[in-house]
Amino acid sequence: MHLIALENEPSSTLGGQELNLLGICEGLANRGHQVSLVYTKEGDLLETYGKFCQDLIPVKRYQANRKNPLDMVKFAVEFFNDISPIKKRLTPLFFLMTLVLYFGAMVYQLSRKSP
C-alpha cells in the first residue's frame, strides 16, 4: 500500500493530531508500506518523517476559494503539479486528519488516469 498523508504543519508543538499522524505513518512504514508526506508548512517533525517516507512534498495550499471558480481551477493545477512526483507509483490511499484536506485529496484522485 502507498499511503499519502496530508498534514498542514508536521510539528510537535501543535498538539496530538500531528503526533498521532506521525505514529500511524511510521508504524505503516515499519510494516513495509510506502508512505509519502504532503505538507504546507515546515515543522520540527519533518526530519523524523524523512527517515521513513518515500517523499516529503511541500504544497502551497490544500484549499481553494469555493466562491471563485478561477481560484478553484488554479488550485487544482498547482496542487497537481506539486504532487506530480508521486503520481506514478502504486495506487495511493490518502490519510486525512481533517476534512479541510479532503479537497486536495479529491483533486489528486480525479487527476489520475485509470489503468
Protein backbone atom coordinates (compact mmCIF):
# COMPACT_ATOMS: atom_id res chain seq x y z
CA MET A 1 0.00 0.00 0.00
CA HIS A 2 1.14 3.56 -0.65
CA LEU A 3 -0.20 5.97 1.97
CA ILE A 4 -0.16 9.68 1.19
CA ALA A 5 -0.50 11.61 4.43
CA LEU A 6 -1.68 15.22 4.21
CA GLU A 7 -0.61 17.49 7.05
CA ASN A 8 -0.64 21.26 7.26
CA GLU A 9 2.37 21.59 9.56
CA PRO A 10 4.18 18.49 10.86
CA SER A 11 5.10 19.95 14.25
CA SER A 12 5.22 18.53 17.76
CA THR A 13 4.22 21.90 19.22
CA LEU A 14 0.71 21.95 17.75
CA GLY A 15 -0.90 19.04 19.52
CA GLY A 16 -1.89 15.40 19.43
CA GLN A 17 -3.16 15.21 15.85
CA GLU A 18 0.29 15.79 14.39
CA LEU A 19 1.92 13.23 16.69
CA ASN A 20 -0.86 10.72 16.00
CA LEU A 21 -0.32 11.02 12.25
CA LEU A 22 3.43 10.56 12.71
CA GLY A 23 2.90 7.38 14.74
CA ILE A 24 0.46 5.91 12.22
CA CYS A 25 2.73 6.68 9.27
CA GLU A 26 5.85 5.37 10.97
CA GLY A 27 4.07 2.19 12.03
CA LEU A 28 2.86 1.51 8.49
CA ALA A 29 6.31 2.20 7.05
CA ASN A 30 7.82 -0.25 9.56
CA ARG A 31 5.36 -2.87 8.27
CA GLY A 32 6.64 -2.41 4.71
CA HIS A 33 4.18 0.11 3.30
CA GLN A 34 5.23 3.15 1.28
CA VAL A 35 4.48 6.50 2.90
CA SER A 36 4.63 9.99 1.40
CA LEU A 37 4.01 13.20 3.34
CA VAL A 38 2.44 16.23 1.69
CA TYR A 39 2.54 19.39 3.82
CA THR A 40 2.05 23.16 3.58
CA LYS A 41 4.42 24.46 6.27
CA GLU A 42 7.68 23.03 7.59
CA GLY A 43 7.71 21.80 11.16
CA ASP A 44 10.08 20.09 13.57
CA LEU A 45 8.78 16.60 12.69
CA LEU A 46 9.98 16.74 9.07
CA GLU A 47 13.34 15.24 9.98
CA THR A 48 11.60 12.27 11.60
CA TYR A 49 9.31 11.81 8.59
CA GLY A 50 12.37 11.93 6.35
CA LYS A 51 13.70 8.75 7.97
CA PHE A 52 10.88 6.57 6.64
CA CYS A 53 8.93 8.48 3.96
CA GLN A 54 9.35 7.88 0.24
CA ASP A 55 8.62 11.56 -0.43
CA LEU A 56 8.33 14.79 1.54
CA ILE A 57 6.40 17.16 -0.71
CA PRO A 58 5.63 20.76 0.16
CA VAL A 59 2.50 22.26 -1.41
CA LYS A 60 1.30 25.83 -1.43
CA ARG A 61 -2.15 25.06 -0.04
CA TYR A 62 -4.91 22.48 0.34
CA GLN A 63 -7.88 24.80 -0.09
CA ALA A 64 -9.39 26.85 -2.87
CA ASN A 65 -11.76 29.77 -2.62
CA ARG A 66 -15.03 27.97 -3.40
CA LYS A 67 -16.70 31.25 -4.33
CA ASN A 68 -14.11 31.90 -7.04
CA PRO A 69 -14.20 29.33 -9.88
CA LEU A 70 -10.94 30.65 -11.33
CA ASP A 71 -9.19 30.13 -7.99
CA MET A 72 -10.54 26.57 -7.84
CA VAL A 73 -9.01 25.81 -11.24
CA LYS A 74 -5.75 27.49 -10.26
CA PHE A 75 -5.63 25.49 -7.04
CA ALA A 76 -6.24 22.20 -8.85
CA VAL A 77 -3.42 22.89 -11.31
CA GLU A 78 -0.99 23.98 -8.58
CA PHE A 79 -1.78 21.02 -6.34
CA PHE A 80 -1.50 18.51 -9.18
CA ASN A 81 1.86 19.95 -10.23
CA ASP A 82 3.15 19.97 -6.64
CA ILE A 83 2.36 16.29 -6.05
CA SER A 84 3.27 15.05 -9.52
CA PRO A 85 6.39 13.19 -8.28
CA ILE A 86 4.18 10.62 -6.51
CA LYS A 87 1.50 10.12 -9.14
CA LYS A 88 3.30 7.31 -10.98
CA ARG A 89 3.55 4.95 -8.03
CA LEU A 90 1.16 2.41 -6.57
CA THR A 91 -2.46 3.45 -6.28
CA PRO A 92 -2.39 5.56 -3.12
CA LEU A 93 -4.58 5.72 -0.08
CA PHE A 94 -4.96 9.22 1.35
CA PHE A 95 -4.95 9.67 5.12
CA LEU A 96 -6.69 12.86 6.22
CA MET A 97 -6.80 14.04 9.79
CA THR A 98 -9.24 16.85 8.97
CA LEU A 99 -11.96 17.40 6.39
CA VAL A 100 -10.24 20.60 5.22
CA LEU A 101 -7.64 18.49 3.44
CA TYR A 102 -10.29 16.43 1.63
CA PHE A 103 -10.46 18.66 -1.45
CA GLY A 104 -6.75 18.31 -2.15
CA ALA A 105 -7.03 14.53 -2.00
CA MET A 106 -10.02 14.55 -4.33
CA VAL A 107 -8.17 16.69 -6.88
CA TYR A 108 -5.35 14.17 -6.89
CA GLN A 109 -7.63 11.15 -7.31
CA LEU A 110 -9.56 12.81 -10.14
CA SER A 111 -6.34 13.73 -11.93
CA ARG A 112 -5.13 10.12 -12.12
CA LYS A 113 -5.73 8.20 -15.30
CA SER A 114 -7.49 4.88 -14.84
CA PRO A 115 -5.38 1.83 -15.67
